[in-house]
Amino acid sequence: MPTSRRIAVGSDTRHPIPDAIASWLEEGGFSVIRCGAVDAADTPWPEAAEQVARLVAQGVAEAGVVCCWTGTGVSIAANKVPGIRAALCKDAETAGGARRWNGANVLAIALSDATADAAQAIVESFLGTTGIDPEEAVNVQRIAAMERRYSGTGNEERLRES
């Protein structure tokens, strides 16, 4: 994997998996921004996810990894930040596909069933996959257009019109 990239890693609770992910990335030459419980004390999962997602959306981090027990909560929360496409991935193949076909920029991992080795393989696949498949780029653009349509005030009216 390429080095000298900034990656934000966050978790809601102190757990060996996100700690191992952060350490493994640092050992691989990545610059890691530790968020939530990876940096300090236990943090509510919406806040840990927002910290990571905000850094990615602002361009401070190139990509992010968020963890909670099921991975679902941090994925949902991260996706509320404009410009974020968070994907909950349980295996390396899905993680690579999330980057290649969906332009995912935040990876969500479930702590309930991940092992350190599996998490490393998932992260490695996610970060090792660069670029969006040209045939799927238009779909990623459609997601961005949907995000613009439904962001800001007046969404209730737009949703009723649908």
C-alpha atoms as a PDB file:
ATOM      1  CA  MET A   1       0.000   0.000   0.000  1.00  0.00           C
ATOM      2  CA  PRO A   2       1.154   3.555  -0.668  1.00  0.00           C
ATOM      3  CA  THR A   3       2.482   5.455   2.313  1.00  0.00           C
ATOM      4  CA  SER A   4       2.355   9.021   3.660  1.00  0.00           C
ATOM      5  CA  ARG A   5      -1.425   9.196   3.407  1.00  0.00           C
ATOM      6  CA  ARG A   6      -3.602  10.608   6.203  1.00  0.00           C
ATOM      7  CA  ILE A   7      -6.275   8.263   7.499  1.00  0.00           C
ATOM      8  CA  ALA A   8      -8.754   9.043  10.306  1.00  0.00           C
ATOM      9  CA  VAL A   9      -9.588   6.097  12.579  1.00  0.00           C
ATOM     10  CA  GLY A  10     -12.341   6.277  15.185  1.00  0.00           C
ATOM     11  CA  SER A  11     -14.352   4.084  17.512  1.00  0.00           C
ATOM     12  CA  ASP A  12     -17.016   4.618  20.120  1.00  0.00           C
ATOM     13  CA  THR A  13     -15.372   2.329  22.638  1.00  0.00           C
ATOM     14  CA  ARG A  14     -11.834   1.314  23.454  1.00  0.00           C
ATOM     15  CA  HIS A  15     -11.327  -2.017  21.705  1.00  0.00           C
ATOM     16  CA  PRO A  16      -8.319  -3.958  20.420  1.00  0.00           C
ATOM     17  CA  ILE A  17      -9.489  -3.902  16.768  1.00  0.00           C
ATOM     18  CA  PRO A  18      -9.495  -0.120  16.109  1.00  0.00           C
ATOM     19  CA  ASP A  19      -6.310   0.214  18.177  1.00  0.00           C
ATOM     20  CA  ALA A  20      -4.691  -2.488  16.018  1.00  0.00           C
ATOM     21  CA  ILE A  21      -5.919  -0.801  12.819  1.00  0.00           C
ATOM     22  CA  ALA A  22      -4.394   2.531  13.850  1.00  0.00           C
ATOM     23  CA  SER A  23      -1.112   0.914  14.873  1.00  0.00           C
ATOM     24  CA  TRP A  24      -0.917  -1.221  11.738  1.00  0.00           C
ATOM     25  CA  LEU A  25      -1.498   1.836   9.537  1.00  0.00           C
ATOM     26  CA  GLU A  26       1.166   3.835  11.378  1.00  0.00           C
ATOM     27  CA  GLU A  27       3.630   0.960  11.045  1.00  0.00           C
ATOM     28  CA  GLY A  28       2.834   0.966   7.307  1.00  0.00           C
ATOM     29  CA  GLY A  29       3.811   4.623   7.012  1.00  0.00           C
ATOM     30  CA  PHE A  30       0.346   6.158   7.122  1.00  0.00           C
ATOM     31  CA  SER A  31      -0.333   9.295   9.121  1.00  0.00           C
ATOM     32  CA  VAL A  32      -3.196   8.351  11.438  1.00  0.00           C
ATOM     33  CA  ILE A  33      -5.584  10.813  13.030  1.00  0.00           C
ATOM     34  CA  ARG A  34      -7.053   9.046  16.053  1.00  0.00           C
ATOM     35  CA  CYS A  35     -10.658   9.929  16.899  1.00  0.00           C
ATOM     36  CA  GLY A  36     -13.137   8.981  19.594  1.00  0.00           C
ATOM     37  CA  ALA A  37     -12.005   6.147  21.851  1.00  0.00           C
ATOM     38  CA  VAL A  38      -8.986   5.447  19.637  1.00  0.00           C
ATOM     39  CA  ASP A  39      -7.620   8.756  20.918  1.00  0.00           C
ATOM     40  CA  ALA A  40      -9.199   9.178  24.331  1.00  0.00           C
ATOM     41  CA  ALA A  41     -12.166   7.960  26.356  1.00  0.00           C
ATOM     42  CA  ASP A  42     -15.278   6.166  25.153  1.00  0.00           C
ATOM     43  CA  THR A  43     -17.269   8.444  22.871  1.00  0.00           C
ATOM     44  CA  PRO A  44     -20.896   8.138  21.733  1.00  0.00           C
ATOM     45  CA  TRP A  45     -20.876   6.427  18.341  1.00  0.00           C
ATOM     46  CA  PRO A  46     -22.511   9.342  16.476  1.00  0.00           C
ATOM     47  CA  GLU A  47     -19.765  11.670  17.708  1.00  0.00           C
ATOM     48  CA  ALA A  48     -16.918   9.291  16.892  1.00  0.00           C
ATOM     49  CA  ALA A  49     -18.315   8.804  13.375  1.00  0.00           C
ATOM     50  CA  GLU A  50     -18.816  12.535  12.893  1.00  0.00           C
ATOM     51  CA  GLN A  51     -15.224  13.293  13.931  1.00  0.00           C
ATOM     52  CA  VAL A  52     -13.862  10.905  11.301  1.00  0.00           C
ATOM     53  CA  ALA A  53     -16.357  11.906   8.598  1.00  0.00           C
ATOM     54  CA  ARG A  54     -15.747  15.627   9.103  1.00  0.00           C
ATOM     55  CA  LEU A  55     -11.978  15.149   8.677  1.00  0.00           C
ATOM     56  CA  VAL A  56     -12.552  13.229   5.443  1.00  0.00           C
ATOM     57  CA  ALA A  57     -15.138  15.711   4.122  1.00  0.00           C
ATOM     58  CA  GLN A  58     -12.798  18.633   4.880  1.00  0.00           C
ATOM     59  CA  GLY A  59      -9.934  16.920   3.054  1.00  0.00           C
ATOM     60  CA  VAL A  60      -7.815  16.718   6.206  1.00  0.00           C
ATOM     61  CA  ALA A  61      -7.858  12.912   5.882  1.00  0.00           C
ATOM     62  CA  GLU A  62      -7.913  11.025   2.617  1.00  0.00           C
ATOM     63  CA  ALA A  63     -10.148   8.285   4.021  1.00  0.00           C
ATOM     64  CA  GLY A  64     -11.609   7.123   7.307  1.00  0.00           C
ATOM     65  CA  VAL A  65     -12.271   3.984   9.297  1.00  0.00           C
ATOM     66  CA  VAL A  66     -15.052   3.941  11.900  1.00  0.00           C
ATOM     67  CA  CYS A  67     -15.939   1.155  14.310  1.00  0.00           C
ATOM     68  CA  CYS A  68     -18.784   0.288  16.666  1.00  0.00           C
ATOM     69  CA  TRP A  69     -20.287  -2.990  17.834  1.00  0.00           C
ATOM     70  CA  THR A  70     -22.397  -3.592  14.686  1.00  0.00           C
ATOM     71  CA  GLY A  71     -20.759  -1.031  12.410  1.00  0.00           C
ATOM     72  CA  THR A  72     -24.228   0.097  11.400  1.00  0.00           C
ATOM     73  CA  GLY A  73     -24.523   3.088  13.732  1.00  0.00           C
ATOM     74  CA  VAL A  74     -21.205   4.637  12.758  1.00  0.00           C
ATOM     75  CA  SER A  75     -21.985   4.027   9.089  1.00  0.00           C
ATOM     76  CA  ILE A  76     -25.347   5.795   9.356  1.00  0.00           C
ATOM     77  CA  ALA A  77     -23.876   8.681  11.351  1.00  0.00           C
ATOM     78  CA  ALA A  78     -20.903   9.168   9.030  1.00  0.00           C
ATOM     79  CA  ASN A  79     -23.222   9.242   6.021  1.00  0.00           C
ATOM     80  CA  LYS A  80     -25.004  12.281   7.476  1.00  0.00           C
ATOM     81  CA  VAL A  81     -21.915  14.402   6.799  1.00  0.00           C
ATOM     82  CA  PRO A  82     -22.133  15.866   3.280  1.00  0.00           C
ATOM     83  CA  GLY A  83     -19.640  14.320   0.897  1.00  0.00           C
ATOM     84  CA  ILE A  84     -19.265  11.099   2.850  1.00  0.00           C
ATOM     85  CA  ARG A  85     -19.973   7.699   1.400  1.00  0.00           C
ATOM     86  CA  ALA A  86     -19.480   5.280   4.296  1.00  0.00           C
ATOM     87  CA  ALA A  87     -19.726   1.555   3.679  1.00  0.00           C
ATOM     88  CA  LEU A  88     -20.117  -1.202   6.267  1.00  0.00           C
ATOM     89  CA  CYS A  89     -17.865  -4.015   5.061  1.00  0.00           C
ATOM     90  CA  LYS A  90     -17.377  -7.445   6.609  1.00  0.00           C
ATOM     91  CA  ASP A  91     -14.796  -8.789   4.155  1.00  0.00           C
ATOM     92  CA  ALA A  92     -11.959  -7.582   1.950  1.00  0.00           C
ATOM     93  CA  GLU A  93     -13.790  -8.176  -1.330  1.00  0.00           C
ATOM     94  CA  THR A  94     -16.720  -5.993  -0.280  1.00  0.00           C
ATOM     95  CA  ALA A  95     -14.348  -3.278   0.954  1.00  0.00           C
ATOM     96  CA  GLY A  96     -12.529  -3.121  -2.375  1.00  0.00           C
ATOM     97  CA  GLY A  97     -15.847  -3.071  -4.230  1.00  0.00           C
ATOM     98  CA  ALA A  98     -17.144  -0.259  -2.030  1.00  0.00           C
ATOM     99  CA  ARG A  99     -14.216   1.900  -3.158  1.00  0.00           C
ATOM    100  CA  ARG A 100     -14.211   0.804  -6.797  1.00  0.00           C
ATOM    101  CA  TRP A 101     -17.938   0.823  -7.518  1.00  0.00           C
ATOM    102  CA  ASN A 102     -19.382   3.192  -4.918  1.00  0.00           C
ATOM    103  CA  GLY A 103     -16.577   5.678  -4.299  1.00  0.00           C
ATOM    104  CA  ALA A 104     -16.680   4.945  -0.556  1.00  0.00           C
ATOM    105  CA  ASN A 105     -14.389   7.209   1.430  1.00  0.00           C
ATOM    106  CA  VAL A 106     -15.169   5.913   4.928  1.00  0.00           C
ATOM    107  CA  LEU A 107     -15.023   2.257   5.936  1.00  0.00           C
ATOM    108  CA  ALA A 108     -17.236   1.004   8.770  1.00  0.00           C
ATOM    109  CA  ILE A 109     -16.265  -2.161  10.621  1.00  0.00           C
ATOM    110  CA  ALA A 110     -18.348  -4.177  13.095  1.00  0.00           C
ATOM    111  CA  LEU A 111     -16.443  -4.982  16.262  1.00  0.00           C
ATOM    112  CA  SER A 112     -18.862  -7.801  17.117  1.00  0.00           C
ATOM    113  CA  ASP A 113     -17.442 -10.279  14.629  1.00  0.00           C
ATOM    114  CA  ALA A 114     -14.160  -8.908  13.289  1.00  0.00           C
ATOM    115  CA  THR A 115     -10.817 -10.422  14.151  1.00  0.00           C
ATOM    116  CA  ALA A 116      -7.622  -8.382  13.996  1.00  0.00           C
ATOM    117  CA  ASP A 117      -6.483 -10.319  10.900  1.00  0.00           C
ATOM    118  CA  ALA A 118      -9.824  -9.902   9.132  1.00  0.00           C
ATOM    119  CA  ALA A 119      -9.961  -6.189   9.992  1.00  0.00           C
ATOM    120  CA  GLN A 120      -6.457  -5.713   8.626  1.00  0.00           C
ATOM    121  CA  ALA A 121      -7.398  -7.452   5.365  1.00  0.00           C
ATOM    122  CA  ILE A 122     -10.558  -5.338   5.063  1.00  0.00           C
ATOM    123  CA  VAL A 123      -8.673  -2.073   5.673  1.00  0.00           C
ATOM    124  CA  GLU A 124      -5.857  -3.100   3.344  1.00  0.00           C
ATOM    125  CA  SER A 125      -8.324  -3.850   0.541  1.00  0.00           C
ATOM    126  CA  PHE A 126     -10.247  -0.625   1.152  1.00  0.00           C
ATOM    127  CA  LEU A 127      -7.180   1.616   1.140  1.00  0.00           C
ATOM    128  CA  GLY A 128      -5.414  -0.374  -1.555  1.00  0.00           C
ATOM    129  CA  THR A 129      -8.271   0.175  -3.995  1.00  0.00           C
ATOM    130  CA  THR A 130      -8.041   3.568  -5.621  1.00  0.00           C
ATOM    131  CA  GLY A 131     -10.171   5.150  -8.249  1.00  0.00           C
ATOM    132  CA  ILE A 132     -13.765   4.590  -9.171  1.00  0.00           C
ATOM    133  CA  ASP A 133     -14.635   2.252 -12.002  1.00  0.00           C
ATOM    134  CA  PRO A 134     -15.354   4.617 -14.933  1.00  0.00           C
ATOM    135  CA  GLU A 135     -18.628   2.806 -15.617  1.00  0.00           C
ATOM    136  CA  GLU A 136     -19.790   3.566 -12.060  1.00  0.00           C
ATOM    137  CA  ALA A 137     -18.579   7.175 -11.832  1.00  0.00           C
ATOM    138  CA  VAL A 138     -21.910   8.490 -13.102  1.00  0.00           C
ATOM    139  CA  ASN A 139     -23.712   6.641 -10.291  1.00  0.00           C
ATOM    140  CA  VAL A 140     -21.436   8.217  -7.682  1.00  0.00           C
ATOM    141  CA  GLN A 141     -22.290  11.579  -9.268  1.00  0.00           C
ATOM    142  CA  ARG A 142     -25.983  10.698  -8.930  1.00  0.00           C
ATOM    143  CA  ILE A 143     -25.471  10.121  -5.200  1.00  0.00           C
ATOM    144  CA  ALA A 144     -23.852  13.563  -4.900  1.00  0.00           C
ATOM    145  CA  ALA A 145     -26.796  15.110  -6.750  1.00  0.00           C
ATOM    146  CA  MET A 146     -29.255  13.388  -4.387  1.00  0.00           C
ATOM    147  CA  GLU A 147     -27.290  14.708  -1.438  1.00  0.00           C
ATOM    148  CA  ARG A 148     -27.528  18.257  -2.799  1.00  0.00           C
ATOM    149  CA  ARG A 149     -31.261  17.861  -3.468  1.00  0.00           C
ATOM    150  CA  TYR A 150     -32.046  16.800   0.070  1.00  0.00           C
ATOM    151  CA  SER A 151     -29.591  18.936   2.040  1.00  0.00           C
ATOM    152  CA  GLY A 152     -30.562  22.148   3.770  1.00  0.00           C
ATOM    153  CA  THR A 153     -33.987  23.391   4.739  1.00  0.00           C
ATOM    154  CA  GLY A 154     -37.163  22.561   2.900  1.00  0.00           C
ATOM    155  CA  ASN A 155     -36.448  18.849   2.665  1.00  0.00           C
ATOM    156  CA  GLU A 156     -39.843  17.965   4.079  1.00  0.00           C
ATOM    157  CA  GLU A 157     -41.526  19.496   1.037  1.00  0.00           C
ATOM    158  CA  ARG A 158     -39.190  17.716  -1.378  1.00  0.00           C
ATOM    159  CA  LEU A 159     -39.851  14.391   0.314  1.00  0.00           C
ATOM    160  CA  ARG A 160     -43.636  14.878   0.096  1.00  0.00           C
ATOM    161  CA  GLU A 161     -43.307  15.668  -3.634  1.00  0.00           C
ATOM    162  CA  SER A 162     -41.462  12.408  -4.320  1.00  0.00           C
END
